[in-house]
C-alpha atoms as a PDB file:
ATOM      1  CA  MET A   1      -4.321 268.562 -80.098  1.00  0.00           C
ATOM      2  CA  ILE A   2      -4.169 270.887 -77.065  1.00  0.00           C
ATOM      3  CA  ALA A   3      -3.599 273.949 -79.251  1.00  0.00           C
ATOM      4  CA  ALA A   4      -6.448 272.946 -81.563  1.00  0.00           C
ATOM      5  CA  PHE A   5      -8.773 272.503 -78.552  1.00  0.00           C
ATOM      6  CA  VAL A   6      -7.895 275.968 -77.213  1.00  0.00           C
ATOM      7  CA  ASN A   7      -8.383 277.429 -80.686  1.00  0.00           C
ATOM      8  CA  PHE A   8     -11.781 275.742 -80.943  1.00  0.00           C
ATOM      9  CA  LEU A   9     -13.027 277.148 -77.624  1.00  0.00           C
ATOM     10  CA  VAL A  10     -11.947 280.709 -78.225  1.00  0.00           C
ATOM     11  CA  GLN A  11     -13.288 280.765 -81.791  1.00  0.00           C
ATOM     12  CA  VAL A  12     -16.675 279.593 -80.489  1.00  0.00           C
ATOM     13  CA  SER A  13     -16.582 282.586 -78.150  1.00  0.00           C
ATOM     14  CA  ILE A  14     -15.501 285.077 -80.814  1.00  0.00           C
ATOM     15  CA  ALA A  15     -18.021 283.911 -83.406  1.00  0.00           C
ATOM     16  CA  SER A  16     -21.011 283.728 -81.055  1.00  0.00           C
ATOM     17  CA  SER A  17     -20.288 287.259 -79.866  1.00  0.00           C
ATOM     18  CA  LEU A  18     -19.442 288.746 -83.259  1.00  0.00           C
ATOM     19  CA  ILE A  19     -22.340 287.590 -85.398  1.00  0.00           C
ATOM     20  CA  PHE A  20     -25.025 289.799 -83.836  1.00  0.00           C
ATOM     21  CA  ILE A  21     -22.906 292.836 -82.911  1.00  0.00           C
ATOM     22  CA  PRO A  22     -24.316 294.872 -85.854  1.00  0.00           C
ATOM     23  CA  LEU A  23     -27.882 294.042 -84.784  1.00  0.00           C
ATOM     24  CA  PHE A  24     -27.060 294.659 -81.103  1.00  0.00           C
ATOM     25  CA  ALA A  25     -25.571 298.036 -82.002  1.00  0.00           C
ATOM     26  CA  LYS A  26     -28.640 298.868 -84.084  1.00  0.00           C
ATOM     27  CA  GLU A  27     -30.886 298.153 -81.112  1.00  0.00           C
ATOM     28  CA  LEU A  28     -28.708 300.452 -78.990  1.00  0.00           C
ATOM     29  CA  GLY A  29     -29.420 303.233 -81.499  1.00  0.00           C
ATOM     30  CA  ALA A  30     -26.261 303.114 -83.637  1.00  0.00           C
ATOM     31  CA  SER A  31     -26.319 304.268 -87.275  1.00  0.00           C
ATOM     32  CA  ASP A  32     -24.706 302.293 -90.108  1.00  0.00           C
ATOM     33  CA  LEU A  33     -21.676 304.572 -89.886  1.00  0.00           C
ATOM     34  CA  GLU A  34     -21.415 304.071 -86.107  1.00  0.00           C
ATOM     35  CA  ILE A  35     -21.587 300.297 -86.606  1.00  0.00           C
ATOM     36  CA  GLY A  36     -18.677 300.675 -88.983  1.00  0.00           C
ATOM     37  CA  LEU A  37     -16.735 302.598 -86.340  1.00  0.00           C
ATOM     38  CA  ILE A  38     -17.446 299.996 -83.642  1.00  0.00           C
ATOM     39  CA  THR A  39     -16.151 297.274 -85.956  1.00  0.00           C
ATOM     40  CA  SER A  40     -13.173 299.395 -86.987  1.00  0.00           C
ATOM     41  CA  PHE A  41     -12.029 300.167 -83.434  1.00  0.00           C
ATOM     42  CA  TYR A  42     -12.369 296.489 -82.510  1.00  0.00           C
ATOM     43  CA  SER A  43     -10.228 295.562 -85.507  1.00  0.00           C
ATOM     44  CA  LEU A  44      -7.727 298.371 -84.872  1.00  0.00           C
ATOM     45  CA  SER A  45      -7.056 297.087 -81.368  1.00  0.00           C
ATOM     46  CA  ILE A  46      -6.512 293.532 -82.664  1.00  0.00           C
ATOM     47  CA  PHE A  47      -4.249 294.939 -85.383  1.00  0.00           C
ATOM     48  CA  ILE A  48      -2.039 296.680 -82.802  1.00  0.00           C
ATOM     49  CA  SER A  49      -1.842 293.849 -80.285  1.00  0.00           C
ATOM     50  CA  SER A  50      -1.344 291.143 -82.948  1.00  0.00           C
ATOM     51  CA  TRP A  51       1.611 293.014 -84.382  1.00  0.00           C
ATOM     52  CA  LEU A  52       3.088 293.770 -80.949  1.00  0.00           C
ATOM     53  CA  PHE A  53       2.613 290.415 -79.265  1.00  0.00           C
ATOM     54  CA  GLY A  54       3.454 288.402 -82.380  1.00  0.00           C
ATOM     55  CA  ARG A  55       6.872 290.025 -82.245  1.00  0.00           C
ATOM     56  CA  LEU A  56       7.194 289.639 -78.480  1.00  0.00           C
ATOM     57  CA  SER A  57       6.336 285.932 -78.665  1.00  0.00           C
ATOM     58  CA  ASP A  58       9.487 285.409 -80.777  1.00  0.00           C
ATOM     59  CA  LEU A  59      11.674 287.477 -78.455  1.00  0.00           C
ATOM     60  CA  TYR A  60      10.555 286.371 -74.991  1.00  0.00           C
ATOM     61  CA  GLU A  61       9.574 283.068 -73.394  1.00  0.00           C
ATOM     62  CA  LYS A  62       6.364 284.350 -71.821  1.00  0.00           C
ATOM     63  CA  ASN A  63       2.952 282.704 -71.841  1.00  0.00           C
ATOM     64  CA  PHE A  64       1.213 285.327 -73.983  1.00  0.00           C
ATOM     65  CA  ALA A  65      -1.479 282.807 -74.904  1.00  0.00           C
ATOM     66  CA  ALA A  66      -2.710 282.577 -71.302  1.00  0.00           C
ATOM     67  CA  LEU A  67      -2.502 286.347 -70.788  1.00  0.00           C
ATOM     68  CA  GLY A  68      -4.599 287.133 -73.829  1.00  0.00           C
ATOM     69  CA  LEU A  69      -7.205 284.509 -73.018  1.00  0.00           C
ATOM     70  CA  VAL A  70      -7.845 285.561 -69.421  1.00  0.00           C
ATOM     71  CA  LEU A  71      -8.255 289.213 -70.446  1.00  0.00           C
ATOM     72  CA  SER A  72     -10.561 288.179 -73.295  1.00  0.00           C
ATOM     73  CA  SER A  73     -12.736 286.211 -70.886  1.00  0.00           C
ATOM     74  CA  ILE A  74     -13.268 289.335 -68.774  1.00  0.00           C
ATOM     75  CA  PHE A  75     -14.171 291.606 -71.684  1.00  0.00           C
ATOM     76  CA  PHE A  76     -16.486 289.069 -73.305  1.00  0.00           C
ATOM     77  CA  ALA A  77     -18.596 289.237 -70.160  1.00  0.00           C
ATOM     78  CA  LEU A  78     -18.463 293.042 -69.927  1.00  0.00           C
ATOM     79  CA  GLN A  79     -20.148 293.368 -73.339  1.00  0.00           C
ATOM     80  CA  SER A  80     -23.423 292.436 -71.643  1.00  0.00           C
ATOM     81  CA  LEU A  81     -23.287 295.671 -69.604  1.00  0.00           C
ATOM     82  CA  ALA A  82     -23.161 298.017 -72.624  1.00  0.00           C
ATOM     83  CA  SER A  83     -26.249 300.245 -72.740  1.00  0.00           C
ATOM     84  CA  ASN A  84     -25.324 302.582 -75.615  1.00  0.00           C
ATOM     85  CA  SER A  85     -23.153 302.585 -78.726  1.00  0.00           C
ATOM     86  CA  LEU A  86     -20.240 304.403 -77.010  1.00  0.00           C
ATOM     87  CA  GLN A  87     -20.003 301.834 -74.215  1.00  0.00           C
ATOM     88  CA  LEU A  88     -20.155 299.029 -76.764  1.00  0.00           C
ATOM     89  CA  LEU A  89     -17.346 300.666 -78.747  1.00  0.00           C
ATOM     90  CA  ILE A  90     -15.121 300.907 -75.629  1.00  0.00           C
ATOM     91  CA  VAL A  91     -15.677 297.302 -74.519  1.00  0.00           C
ATOM     92  CA  ARG A  92     -15.245 295.914 -78.037  1.00  0.00           C
ATOM     93  CA  THR A  93     -11.982 297.845 -78.368  1.00  0.00           C
ATOM     94  CA  LEU A  94     -10.613 296.375 -75.121  1.00  0.00           C
ATOM     95  CA  LEU A  95     -11.812 292.913 -76.123  1.00  0.00           C
ATOM     96  CA  GLY A  96     -10.105 293.261 -79.484  1.00  0.00           C
ATOM     97  CA  PHE A  97      -6.769 294.173 -77.906  1.00  0.00           C
ATOM     98  CA  SER A  98      -7.016 291.114 -75.638  1.00  0.00           C
ATOM     99  CA  LEU A  99      -7.877 288.824 -78.554  1.00  0.00           C
ATOM    100  CA  GLY A 100      -4.800 289.980 -80.444  1.00  0.00           C
ATOM    101  CA  ILE A 101      -2.399 288.901 -77.701  1.00  0.00           C
ATOM    102  CA  PHE A 102      -2.614 285.118 -77.958  1.00  0.00           C
ATOM    103  CA  PRO A 103      -2.978 283.925 -81.634  1.00  0.00           C
ATOM    104  CA  ALA A 104       0.669 284.222 -82.733  1.00  0.00           C
ATOM    105  CA  ALA A 105       1.970 282.394 -79.663  1.00  0.00           C
ATOM    106  CA  LEU A 106      -0.686 279.700 -80.024  1.00  0.00           C
ATOM    107  CA  MET A 107      -0.046 279.205 -83.747  1.00  0.00           C
ATOM    108  CA  SER A 108       3.725 279.113 -83.210  1.00  0.00           C
ATOM    109  CA  TYR A 109       3.291 276.370 -80.596  1.00  0.00           C
ATOM    110  CA  ALA A 110       0.861 274.424 -82.814  1.00  0.00           C
ATOM    111  CA  TYR A 111       3.172 274.537 -85.837  1.00  0.00           C
ATOM    112  CA  LYS A 112       6.340 273.502 -83.990  1.00  0.00           C
ATOM    113  CA  GLU A 113       4.718 270.835 -81.837  1.00  0.00           C
ATOM    114  CA  GLU A 114       1.985 269.411 -84.080  1.00  0.00           C
ATOM    115  CA  LYS A 115       3.078 270.329 -87.653  1.00  0.00           C
ATOM    116  CA  LYS A 116      -0.478 270.509 -89.006  1.00  0.00           C
ATOM    117  CA  ILE A 117      -1.527 273.958 -90.231  1.00  0.00           C
ATOM    118  CA  GLY A 118      -4.764 272.801 -91.832  1.00  0.00           C
ATOM    119  CA  TYR A 119      -5.750 270.712 -88.811  1.00  0.00           C
ATOM    120  CA  PHE A 120      -5.218 273.582 -86.355  1.00  0.00           C
ATOM    121  CA  SER A 121      -7.033 276.047 -88.626  1.00  0.00           C
ATOM    122  CA  ALA A 122      -9.877 273.591 -89.217  1.00  0.00           C
ATOM    123  CA  PHE A 123     -10.685 273.426 -85.504  1.00  0.00           C
ATOM    124  CA  GLY A 124     -10.775 277.217 -85.475  1.00  0.00           C
ATOM    125  CA  SER A 125     -13.379 277.089 -88.246  1.00  0.00           C
ATOM    126  CA  LEU A 126     -15.292 274.393 -86.383  1.00  0.00           C
ATOM    127  CA  GLY A 127     -15.335 276.756 -83.413  1.00  0.00           C
ATOM    128  CA  TRP A 128     -16.715 279.510 -85.630  1.00  0.00           C
ATOM    129  CA  ALA A 129     -19.385 277.114 -86.903  1.00  0.00           C
ATOM    130  CA  PHE A 130     -20.591 276.115 -83.443  1.00  0.00           C
ATOM    131  CA  GLY A 131     -20.306 279.685 -82.192  1.00  0.00           C
ATOM    132  CA  GLN A 132     -22.504 281.002 -84.977  1.00  0.00           C
ATOM    133  CA  LEU A 133     -25.020 278.202 -84.472  1.00  0.00           C
ATOM    134  CA  ALA A 134     -25.006 278.770 -80.709  1.00  0.00           C
ATOM    135  CA  ALA A 135     -25.675 282.480 -81.217  1.00  0.00           C
ATOM    136  CA  GLY A 136     -28.689 281.646 -83.363  1.00  0.00           C
ATOM    137  CA  ILE A 137     -30.007 279.245 -80.702  1.00  0.00           C
ATOM    138  CA  ILE A 138     -29.308 281.417 -77.623  1.00  0.00           C
ATOM    139  CA  MET A 139     -30.423 284.642 -79.351  1.00  0.00           C
ATOM    140  CA  PHE A 140     -30.275 286.797 -76.165  1.00  0.00           C
ATOM    141  CA  TYR A 141     -27.247 289.064 -76.321  1.00  0.00           C
ATOM    142  CA  ASP A 142     -26.273 288.989 -72.628  1.00  0.00           C
ATOM    143  CA  LYS A 143     -26.397 285.185 -72.501  1.00  0.00           C
ATOM    144  CA  ILE A 144     -24.289 284.952 -75.672  1.00  0.00           C
ATOM    145  CA  PHE A 145     -21.607 287.181 -74.126  1.00  0.00           C
ATOM    146  CA  ILE A 146     -21.503 285.220 -70.838  1.00  0.00           C
ATOM    147  CA  PHE A 147     -21.365 281.954 -72.786  1.00  0.00           C
ATOM    148  CA  GLY A 148     -18.284 283.214 -74.636  1.00  0.00           C
ATOM    149  CA  SER A 149     -16.676 284.384 -71.423  1.00  0.00           C
ATOM    150  CA  ILE A 150     -16.996 280.948 -69.808  1.00  0.00           C
ATOM    151  CA  LEU A 151     -15.541 279.099 -72.803  1.00  0.00           C
ATOM    152  CA  THR A 152     -12.634 281.521 -73.065  1.00  0.00           C
ATOM    153  CA  PHE A 153     -11.840 281.038 -69.377  1.00  0.00           C
ATOM    154  CA  ILE A 154     -11.687 277.271 -69.970  1.00  0.00           C
ATOM    155  CA  ALA A 155      -9.302 277.965 -72.872  1.00  0.00           C
ATOM    156  CA  PHE A 156      -7.196 280.130 -70.545  1.00  0.00           C
ATOM    157  CA  ALA A 157      -6.977 277.401 -67.888  1.00  0.00           C
ATOM    158  CA  THR A 158      -5.949 274.858 -70.531  1.00  0.00           C
ATOM    159  CA  SER A 159      -3.280 277.089 -72.045  1.00  0.00           C
ATOM    160  CA  PHE A 160      -1.907 278.090 -68.649  1.00  0.00           C
ATOM    161  CA  PHE A 161      -1.109 274.497 -67.701  1.00  0.00           C
ATOM    162  CA  LYS A 162      -0.493 272.837 -71.082  1.00  0.00           C
ATOM    163  CA  ILE A 163       0.997 275.329 -73.585  1.00  0.00           C
ATOM    164  CA  LYS A 164       4.645 276.251 -73.287  1.00  0.00           C
ATOM    165  CA  PRO A 165       6.092 279.387 -74.939  1.00  0.00           C
ATOM    166  CA  ILE A 166       8.635 278.971 -77.751  1.00  0.00           C
ATOM    167  CA  LYS A 167      11.571 281.339 -78.206  1.00  0.00           C
ATOM    168  CA  ILE A 168      13.844 281.436 -81.252  1.00  0.00           C
ATOM    169  CA  LEU A 169      17.537 282.369 -81.178  1.00  0.00           C
ATOM    170  CA  THR A 170      17.756 284.803 -84.110  1.00  0.00           C
ATOM    171  CA  VAL A 171      15.033 287.261 -85.098  1.00  0.00           C
ATOM    172  CA  ARG A 172      15.285 289.320 -88.293  1.00  0.00           C
ATOM    173  CA  SER A 173      14.102 292.919 -88.508  1.00  0.00           C
ATOM    174  CA  GLN A 174      10.403 293.596 -89.059  1.00  0.00           C
ATOM    175  CA  LYS A 175      11.202 295.530 -92.223  1.00  0.00           C
ATOM    176  CA  ARG A 176      12.963 292.550 -93.776  1.00  0.00           C
ATOM    177  CA  ILE A 177      10.215 290.121 -92.839  1.00  0.00           C
ATOM    178  CA  LEU A 178       7.541 292.374 -94.330  1.00  0.00           C
ATOM    179  CA  LYS A 179       9.525 293.003 -97.503  1.00  0.00           C
ATOM    180  CA  GLU A 180      10.089 289.300 -98.171  1.00  0.00           C
ATOM    181  CA  ASN A 181       6.413 288.434 -97.596  1.00  0.00           C
ATOM    182  CA  PHE A 182       4.790 291.527 -99.098  1.00  0.00           C
ATOM    183  CA  ARG A 183       2.727 289.734-101.774  1.00  0.00           C
ATOM    184  CA  ILE A 184       1.000 287.537 -99.211  1.00  0.00           C
ATOM    185  CA  TYR A 185       0.108 290.399 -96.916  1.00  0.00           C
ATOM    186  CA  PHE A 186      -1.047 292.652 -99.751  1.00  0.00           C
ATOM    187  CA  ALA A 187      -3.280 289.934-101.238  1.00  0.00           C
ATOM    188  CA  PHE A 188      -4.833 289.449 -97.818  1.00  0.00           C
ATOM    189  CA  PHE A 189      -5.334 293.163 -97.435  1.00  0.00           C
ATOM    190  CA  LEU A 190      -7.242 293.497-100.706  1.00  0.00           C
ATOM    191  CA  ARG A 191      -9.330 290.385-100.191  1.00  0.00           C
ATOM    192  CA  HIS A 192     -10.237 291.254 -96.619  1.00  0.00           C
ATOM    193  CA  VAL A 193     -11.086 294.904 -97.282  1.00  0.00           C
ATOM    194  CA  GLY A 194     -13.692 293.606 -99.717  1.00  0.00           C
ATOM    195  CA  ALA A 195     -14.886 290.829 -97.431  1.00  0.00           C
ATOM    196  CA  SER A 196     -15.148 293.142 -94.405  1.00  0.00           C
ATOM    197  CA  ALA A 197     -17.369 295.554 -96.320  1.00  0.00           C
ATOM    198  CA  VAL A 198     -19.687 292.591 -96.956  1.00  0.00           C
ATOM    199  CA  TRP A 199     -19.629 291.078 -93.451  1.00  0.00           C
ATOM    200  CA  LEU A 200     -20.383 294.448 -91.860  1.00  0.00           C
ATOM    201  CA  VAL A 201     -23.836 294.583 -93.425  1.00  0.00           C
ATOM    202  CA  PHE A 202     -24.489 290.891 -94.117  1.00  0.00           C
ATOM    203  CA  PRO A 203     -26.552 290.038 -90.988  1.00  0.00           C
ATOM    204  CA  ILE A 204     -28.594 293.247 -91.413  1.00  0.00           C
ATOM    205  CA  TYR A 205     -29.074 292.436 -95.103  1.00  0.00           C
ATOM    206  CA  LEU A 206     -30.314 288.941 -94.259  1.00  0.00           C
ATOM    207  CA  HIS A 207     -32.585 290.322 -91.541  1.00  0.00           C
ATOM    208  CA  GLN A 208     -34.130 292.796 -94.006  1.00  0.00           C
ATOM    209  CA  LEU A 209     -34.875 289.900 -96.366  1.00  0.00           C
ATOM    210  CA  GLY A 210     -37.015 288.422 -93.579  1.00  0.00           C
ATOM    211  CA  ILE A 211     -34.553 285.760 -92.417  1.00  0.00           C
ATOM    212  CA  SER A 212     -34.779 285.102 -88.656  1.00  0.00           C
ATOM    213  CA  LYS A 213     -31.855 285.255 -86.220  1.00  0.00           C
ATOM    214  CA  PHE A 214     -31.885 281.458 -85.980  1.00  0.00           C
ATOM    215  CA  TRP A 215     -31.518 281.002 -89.758  1.00  0.00           C
ATOM    216  CA  ILE A 216     -28.891 283.737 -89.915  1.00  0.00           C
ATOM    217  CA  GLY A 217     -26.940 281.620 -87.430  1.00  0.00           C
ATOM    218  CA  VAL A 218     -27.458 278.532 -89.604  1.00  0.00           C
ATOM    219  CA  ILE A 219     -26.190 280.372 -92.704  1.00  0.00           C
ATOM    220  CA  TYR A 220     -23.017 281.415 -90.893  1.00  0.00           C
ATOM    221  CA  PHE A 221     -22.707 277.907 -89.442  1.00  0.00           C
ATOM    222  CA  ALA A 222     -22.797 276.332 -92.920  1.00  0.00           C
ATOM    223  CA  ASN A 223     -19.814 278.406 -94.034  1.00  0.00           C
ATOM    224  CA  SER A 224     -17.604 277.635 -91.053  1.00  0.00           C
ATOM    225  CA  PHE A 225     -18.644 273.983 -90.721  1.00  0.00           C
ATOM    226  CA  MET A 226     -17.645 273.287 -94.327  1.00  0.00           C
ATOM    227  CA  GLN A 227     -14.302 274.994 -93.690  1.00  0.00           C
ATOM    228  CA  PHE A 228     -13.620 272.384 -91.001  1.00  0.00           C
ATOM    229  CA  PHE A 229     -13.601 269.648 -93.668  1.00  0.00           C
ATOM    230  CA  MET A 230     -11.889 271.694 -96.377  1.00  0.00           C
ATOM    231  CA  MET A 231      -8.895 273.152 -94.550  1.00  0.00           C
ATOM    232  CA  PRO A 232      -7.027 269.883 -93.856  1.00  0.00           C
ATOM    233  CA  ARG A 233      -7.617 268.781 -97.451  1.00  0.00           C
ATOM    234  CA  VAL A 234      -6.528 271.926 -99.308  1.00  0.00           C
ATOM    235  CA  GLU A 235      -3.226 271.973 -97.409  1.00  0.00           C
ATOM    236  CA  LYS A 236      -1.661 269.588 -99.941  1.00  0.00           C
ATOM    237  CA  PHE A 237      -1.832 272.189-102.743  1.00  0.00           C
ATOM    238  CA  SER A 238       0.740 274.929-103.364  1.00  0.00           C
ATOM    239  CA  SER A 239       0.349 278.169-101.450  1.00  0.00           C
ATOM    240  CA  GLU A 240       0.285 280.238-104.665  1.00  0.00           C
ATOM    241  CA  LYS A 241      -2.645 278.283-106.111  1.00  0.00           C
ATOM    242  CA  LEU A 242      -4.499 278.389-102.812  1.00  0.00           C
ATOM    243  CA  ILE A 243      -4.181 282.168-102.420  1.00  0.00           C
ATOM    244  CA  THR A 244      -5.316 282.837-105.997  1.00  0.00           C
ATOM    245  CA  SER A 245      -8.249 280.421-106.002  1.00  0.00           C
ATOM    246  CA  GLY A 246      -9.335 281.577-102.550  1.00  0.00           C
ATOM    247  CA  ALA A 247      -9.647 285.183-103.702  1.00  0.00           C
ATOM    248  CA  ILE A 248     -11.521 284.197-106.876  1.00  0.00           C
ATOM    249  CA  PHE A 249     -14.054 281.982-105.084  1.00  0.00           C
ATOM    250  CA  SER A 250     -14.649 284.749-102.531  1.00  0.00           C
ATOM    251  CA  ALA A 251     -15.401 287.193-105.360  1.00  0.00           C
ATOM    252  CA  PHE A 252     -17.966 284.882-106.961  1.00  0.00           C
ATOM    253  CA  THR A 253     -19.663 284.339-103.614  1.00  0.00           C
ATOM    254  CA  PHE A 254     -20.149 288.063-102.991  1.00  0.00           C
ATOM    255  CA  ILE A 255     -21.570 288.541-106.490  1.00  0.00           C
ATOM    256  CA  PHE A 256     -24.075 285.741-105.895  1.00  0.00           C
ATOM    257  CA  TYR A 257     -25.055 287.206-102.503  1.00  0.00           C
ATOM    258  CA  SER A 258     -26.364 290.333-104.225  1.00  0.00           C
ATOM    259  CA  PHE A 259     -28.891 288.266-106.223  1.00  0.00           C
ATOM    260  CA  LEU A 260     -30.116 285.784-103.599  1.00  0.00           C
ATOM    261  CA  ASN A 261     -33.319 286.343-101.622  1.00  0.00           C
ATOM    262  CA  CYS A 262     -34.177 283.303 -99.497  1.00  0.00           C
ATOM    263  CA  THR A 263     -32.623 281.161 -96.766  1.00  0.00           C
ATOM    264  CA  TRP A 264     -31.915 277.935 -98.670  1.00  0.00           C
ATOM    265  CA  GLN A 265     -30.105 279.825-101.452  1.00  0.00           C
ATOM    266  CA  PHE A 266     -27.715 281.442 -98.966  1.00  0.00           C
ATOM    267  CA  ILE A 267     -27.073 278.099 -97.249  1.00  0.00           C
ATOM    268  CA  LEU A 268     -26.188 276.382-100.537  1.00  0.00           C
ATOM    269  CA  ILE A 269     -23.876 279.161-101.736  1.00  0.00           C
ATOM    270  CA  GLN A 270     -21.842 279.005 -98.532  1.00  0.00           C
ATOM    271  CA  PHE A 271     -19.834 276.197-100.126  1.00  0.00           C
ATOM    272  CA  LEU A 272     -18.093 278.773-102.313  1.00  0.00           C
ATOM    273  CA  ILE A 273     -17.061 281.132 -99.532  1.00  0.00           C
ATOM    274  CA  ALA A 274     -16.014 278.183 -97.345  1.00  0.00           C
ATOM    275  CA  PHE A 275     -13.656 276.975-100.055  1.00  0.00           C
ATOM    276  CA  GLY A 276     -12.484 280.512-100.753  1.00  0.00           C
ATOM    277  CA  TRP A 277     -11.513 281.279 -97.163  1.00  0.00           C
ATOM    278  CA  SER A 278     -10.044 277.810 -96.527  1.00  0.00           C
ATOM    279  CA  SER A 279      -7.803 278.172 -99.559  1.00  0.00           C
ATOM    280  CA  ILE A 280      -6.505 281.694 -99.025  1.00  0.00           C
ATOM    281  CA  TYR A 281      -6.011 281.307 -95.271  1.00  0.00           C
ATOM    282  CA  VAL A 282      -4.247 277.928 -95.321  1.00  0.00           C
ATOM    283  CA  GLY A 283      -2.267 278.985 -98.383  1.00  0.00           C
ATOM    284  CA  ALA A 284      -0.984 282.125 -96.679  1.00  0.00           C
ATOM    285  CA  LEU A 285      -0.110 280.278 -93.471  1.00  0.00           C
ATOM    286  CA  LYS A 286       1.765 277.611 -95.434  1.00  0.00           C
ATOM    287  CA  ALA A 287       3.813 280.172 -97.318  1.00  0.00           C
ATOM    288  CA  LEU A 288       4.640 282.174 -94.197  1.00  0.00           C
ATOM    289  CA  LEU A 289       5.402 279.374 -91.749  1.00  0.00           C
ATOM    290  CA  GLU A 290       7.412 277.229 -94.153  1.00  0.00           C
ATOM    291  CA  LYS A 291       9.852 279.910 -95.278  1.00  0.00           C
ATOM    292  CA  ASN A 292      10.184 282.060 -92.127  1.00  0.00           C
ATOM    293  CA  GLU A 293      11.828 281.144 -88.832  1.00  0.00           C
ATOM    294  CA  GLU A 294      10.020 283.939 -86.971  1.00  0.00           C
ATOM    295  CA  LYS A 295       6.715 282.079 -86.656  1.00  0.00           C
ATOM    296  CA  GLY A 296       5.173 284.433 -84.119  1.00  0.00           C
ATOM    297  CA  SER A 297       6.132 287.540 -86.061  1.00  0.00           C
ATOM    298  CA  VAL A 298       4.804 286.400 -89.443  1.00  0.00           C
ATOM    299  CA  VAL A 299       1.537 285.113 -87.956  1.00  0.00           C
ATOM    300  CA  GLY A 300       1.191 288.308 -85.928  1.00  0.00           C
ATOM    301  CA  PHE A 301       1.727 290.354 -89.100  1.00  0.00           C
ATOM    302  CA  LEU A 302      -0.861 288.240 -90.942  1.00  0.00           C
ATOM    303  CA  ASN A 303      -3.436 288.771 -88.188  1.00  0.00           C
ATOM    304  CA  SER A 304      -2.618 292.478 -88.207  1.00  0.00           C
ATOM    305  CA  THR A 305      -3.077 292.574 -91.985  1.00  0.00           C
ATOM    306  CA  ILE A 306      -6.459 290.881 -91.693  1.00  0.00           C
ATOM    307  CA  TYR A 307      -7.670 293.282 -89.040  1.00  0.00           C
ATOM    308  CA  PHE A 308      -6.211 296.403 -90.604  1.00  0.00           C
ATOM    309  CA  SER A 309      -8.095 295.511 -93.762  1.00  0.00           C
ATOM    310  CA  THR A 310     -11.192 294.956 -91.602  1.00  0.00           C
ATOM    311  CA  ILE A 311     -10.850 298.532 -90.360  1.00  0.00           C
ATOM    312  CA  VAL A 312     -10.649 299.895 -93.897  1.00  0.00           C
ATOM    313  CA  GLY A 313     -13.348 297.567 -95.215  1.00  0.00           C
ATOM    314  CA  SER A 314     -15.749 298.349 -92.375  1.00  0.00           C
ATOM    315  CA  VAL A 315     -15.424 302.080 -92.946  1.00  0.00           C
ATOM    316  CA  PHE A 316     -15.977 301.616 -96.690  1.00  0.00           C
ATOM    317  CA  GLY A 317     -18.891 299.276 -95.987  1.00  0.00           C
ATOM    318  CA  GLY A 318     -20.530 301.774 -93.642  1.00  0.00           C
ATOM    319  CA  ILE A 319     -20.105 304.629 -96.115  1.00  0.00           C
ATOM    320  CA  ILE A 320     -21.300 302.592 -99.130  1.00  0.00           C
ATOM    321  CA  ALA A 321     -24.330 301.293 -97.195  1.00  0.00           C
ATOM    322  CA  GLU A 322     -25.180 304.812 -96.023  1.00  0.00           C
ATOM    323  CA  ILE A 323     -24.916 306.364 -99.500  1.00  0.00           C
ATOM    324  CA  PHE A 324     -26.075 303.469-101.707  1.00  0.00           C
ATOM    325  CA  ASP A 325     -27.360 300.119-100.396  1.00  0.00           C
ATOM    326  CA  TYR A 326     -26.208 296.802 -98.951  1.00  0.00           C
ATOM    327  CA  ARG A 327     -25.935 295.111-102.361  1.00  0.00           C
ATOM    328  CA  SER A 328     -23.398 297.731-103.413  1.00  0.00           C
ATOM    329  CA  CYS A 329     -21.162 296.559-100.551  1.00  0.00           C
ATOM    330  CA  MET A 330     -21.175 293.069-102.025  1.00  0.00           C
ATOM    331  CA  ILE A 331     -20.206 294.247-105.502  1.00  0.00           C
ATOM    332  CA  PHE A 332     -17.422 296.317-103.959  1.00  0.00           C
ATOM    333  CA  GLY A 333     -16.211 293.230-102.079  1.00  0.00           C
ATOM    334  CA  ALA A 334     -16.187 291.107-105.232  1.00  0.00           C
ATOM    335  CA  ILE A 335     -14.100 293.645-107.154  1.00  0.00           C
ATOM    336  CA  LEU A 336     -11.411 293.804-104.464  1.00  0.00           C
ATOM    337  CA  CYS A 337     -11.276 290.008-104.178  1.00  0.00           C
ATOM    338  CA  LEU A 338     -10.600 289.757-107.896  1.00  0.00           C
ATOM    339  CA  LEU A 339      -7.765 292.263-107.492  1.00  0.00           C
ATOM    340  CA  ALA A 340      -6.384 290.135-104.667  1.00  0.00           C
ATOM    341  CA  ALA A 341      -6.259 287.138-107.004  1.00  0.00           C
ATOM    342  CA  VAL A 342      -3.691 289.007-109.106  1.00  0.00           C
ATOM    343  CA  ILE A 343      -1.435 289.602-106.091  1.00  0.00           C
ATOM    344  CA  ARG A 344      -0.141 286.196-105.023  1.00  0.00           C
ATOM    345  CA  ASP A 345       2.817 284.499-103.443  1.00  0.00           C
ATOM    346  CA  LYS A 346       5.530 283.931-106.083  1.00  0.00           C
ATOM    347  CA  ARG A 347       8.434 281.893-104.823  1.00  0.00           C
END
C-alpha cells in the first residue's frame, strides 16, 4: 500500500505537469519541431536514468526511490521559471533524469512486498487521472508546477522512511536479459513510437477543435480514471493476450481520434485507449516480473524502452505535423500499434 501511495502522488505530479507542456512551449514561442525536441530530450534523460538506475537497484542496497523523488521535486518547481523554449528544454531534461531514478526500485519493492502488479499500476493510473483533472482545474502553468513539486516532496518523505531497498544475490548480464525478453520490449517500442506521435500533438489538436483547457483535462482524466478500474481486472489474463489486445485497441483508438470533432465523442472513446494501455502495460509487467529475478533491471529496461520510443515517436510526430497535419500523426500511430500486435511475448 505504501508503494502504491507513493506511485499515486508522483504520477499526479507528472501528469499535471506533462499535459500542457506542448501548449506552454507554444506560448513561449516554440515551433512544432521544437516541441518535439523538448519532449524528446525529456524522454532521452528518462531513458538513460531508467536503464542505469534499474540496474543499480539490483546491484546495490541504496534508496534510489528517495533520491529520485527529492530531485524530481526540485525540478518540478523550476519549470515555473522557464521563460523561453531553451530554458524549458533544459529543465525538462533534468526533471526527466530525476524521474527515471526511482521507478525500478519502487516497482521491485512493490512486487516483492505486495505481489500485486495490477493494483500498483492502477494507483499510478489513478494518479494520472487526478493529475490531468487538476491541470485542467488549476490551468495556470506556474501553479501546476508548484503543485507537482509539493506532492513529489511528500512522496519523497514517505519513501525515505517507509521503503526499503531490495538487493538480489545473482544478477545476469544485460545482454542476456534483453535477449530473453526481446519480444516484449520490441512490441512496446513499436506501440509507443506510434502513441508518442499522437500524444505530442493531441492537446494542440483538441485545442484547435475549440475544446477548452478544462475539457482537455477531463478527456485525459477519463482515460486514466478508467485504467484504475481495468488494470487490477485484466491481470488475470495471459501476458501474451494482454500485449496483443492492448496494441490492437490502441490502434483503433487513434483511428477514431482522426474522425472525432467534439468533446463528448473524445470522452466516450477513451474507454478503448484505457483498455489498450491497461492490457499492454500490465501484460508486459507480468511477463517480465514473473520470469526474471532481476526485477529492477527488467523494469528499468521497460521504462527505457517506453521513453526511447517516446523520443523517436515525438520526433516523427513533430516532423509529420510540420509537413502534413495532426490527423496524419494519428494514422501513423495506428499503423505502428497494429505492427506491435504482431510482436508479442511467446513463452
